[in-house]
């Protein structure tokens, strides 16, 4: 997956905004909750999943999908090395992350 393909996929979801977040681009929805971030220099994205979803995705592509080191990873933040992964895997993760953040924050 290319950087441009990731940007297009992340912005596909209704109400999504992209904004600078430290040295990354953050993709936010509903009450400014972040569901994914993009780090262009490393061609990687961090996507928020549940711990169960994180384990499932890490099992798919052991070398290209892994928990973010530290407490962020324990909360479900998962790194996706975009250049090594098929579009379908990243799209599926983005959809899960978007839905979880959008639904959680509508309440």
Protein backbone atom coordinates (compact mmCIF):
# COMPACT_ATOMS: atom_id res chain seq x y z
CA UNK A 1 0.00 0.00 0.00
CA UNK A 2 1.35 3.41 -0.89
CA UNK A 3 1.22 6.55 1.25
CA UNK A 4 -1.33 8.09 -1.14
CA UNK A 5 -3.50 4.99 -1.00
CA UNK A 6 -3.44 5.12 2.80
CA UNK A 7 -4.41 8.79 2.86
CA UNK A 8 -7.31 8.13 0.50
CA UNK A 9 -8.47 5.13 2.52
CA UNK A 10 -8.32 6.99 5.86
CA UNK A 11 -10.20 10.02 4.48
CA UNK A 12 -12.93 7.80 2.98
CA UNK A 13 -14.90 7.64 6.23
CA UNK A 14 -17.56 10.31 6.89
CA UNK A 15 -16.49 13.17 9.15
CA UNK A 16 -12.78 12.30 9.04
CA UNK A 17 -10.30 15.13 9.37
CA UNK A 18 -6.53 15.00 8.88
CA UNK A 19 -4.30 17.18 11.04
CA UNK A 20 -0.70 17.39 12.16
CA UNK A 21 0.02 15.44 15.34
CA UNK A 22 3.63 15.65 16.49
CA UNK A 23 5.65 14.18 13.59
CA UNK A 24 2.65 12.38 12.08
CA UNK A 25 -0.65 13.06 10.38
CA UNK A 26 -3.59 12.09 12.59
CA UNK A 27 -6.95 10.97 11.22
CA UNK A 28 -9.75 11.99 13.54
CA UNK A 29 -13.50 11.67 13.77
CA UNK A 30 -16.28 12.62 16.19
CA UNK A 31 -15.07 14.82 19.04
CA UNK A 32 -11.58 14.79 17.51
CA UNK A 33 -10.79 11.19 18.51
CA UNK A 34 -7.83 9.74 16.61
CA UNK A 35 -8.32 6.36 14.94
CA UNK A 36 -5.09 6.28 12.89
CA UNK A 37 -1.84 8.14 12.38
CA UNK A 38 0.53 8.19 9.42
CA UNK A 39 4.31 8.59 9.55
CA UNK A 40 5.36 9.23 5.96
CA UNK A 41 9.16 8.97 6.35
CA UNK A 42 8.91 5.39 7.64
CA UNK A 43 5.92 4.53 5.44
CA UNK A 44 4.05 3.27 8.49
CA UNK A 45 0.71 3.87 10.11
CA UNK A 46 -0.52 3.27 13.63
CA UNK A 47 -4.13 2.12 13.80
CA UNK A 48 -6.24 1.77 16.96
CA UNK A 49 -7.65 -1.73 17.41
CA UNK A 50 -9.01 -3.71 20.31
CA UNK A 51 -6.46 -6.09 21.87
CA UNK A 52 -8.29 -9.03 20.25
CA UNK A 53 -8.27 -7.37 16.82
CA UNK A 54 -4.61 -6.47 17.30
CA UNK A 55 -3.71 -10.13 17.96
CA UNK A 56 -5.64 -11.24 14.88
CA UNK A 57 -3.96 -8.71 12.58
CA UNK A 58 -0.51 -9.41 14.00
CA UNK A 59 -1.09 -13.08 13.21
CA UNK A 60 -1.81 -12.25 9.56
CA UNK A 61 1.46 -10.49 8.74
CA UNK A 62 3.86 -11.12 11.59
CA UNK A 63 6.64 -8.95 10.19
CA UNK A 64 4.56 -6.05 8.87
CA UNK A 65 1.97 -5.66 11.64
CA UNK A 66 2.93 -5.41 15.31
CA UNK A 67 1.89 -3.65 18.54
CA UNK A 68 3.34 -0.18 19.10
CA UNK A 69 6.06 -0.56 21.75
CA UNK A 70 5.11 0.69 25.23
CA UNK A 71 1.72 1.35 26.81
CA UNK A 72 0.21 2.57 23.53
CA UNK A 73 0.54 -0.95 22.16
CA UNK A 74 -1.17 -2.38 25.23
CA UNK A 75 -4.12 -0.06 24.46
CA UNK A 76 -4.44 -1.57 20.97
CA UNK A 77 -2.34 0.83 18.90
CA UNK A 78 -0.85 -1.28 16.14
CA UNK A 79 1.86 -0.43 13.60
CA UNK A 80 1.29 -1.30 9.94
CA UNK A 81 4.30 -1.15 7.61
CA UNK A 82 2.40 0.02 4.56
CA UNK A 83 4.80 -0.92 1.78
CA UNK A 84 4.77 -4.58 2.88
CA UNK A 85 1.01 -5.05 3.25
CA UNK A 86 -1.93 -5.71 0.95
CA UNK A 87 -4.55 -2.99 0.64
CA UNK A 88 -7.27 -5.25 2.00
CA UNK A 89 -5.58 -5.77 5.37
CA UNK A 90 -5.05 -2.06 5.97
CA UNK A 91 -8.55 -1.16 4.76
CA UNK A 92 -10.08 -3.71 7.15
CA UNK A 93 -8.09 -2.34 10.10
CA UNK A 94 -9.01 1.26 9.27
CA UNK A 95 -12.69 0.37 9.08
CA UNK A 96 -12.62 -1.35 12.47
CA UNK A 97 -10.77 1.58 14.04
CA UNK A 98 -13.06 4.18 12.52
CA UNK A 99 -16.22 2.35 13.57
CA UNK A 100 -15.00 1.85 17.13
CA UNK A 101 -14.09 5.51 17.59
CA UNK A 102 -17.17 6.88 15.79
CA UNK A 103 -19.65 4.66 17.65
CA UNK A 104 -17.98 5.06 21.05
CA UNK A 105 -18.06 8.84 20.85
CA UNK A 106 -21.62 9.29 19.61
CA UNK A 107 -22.96 8.24 22.99
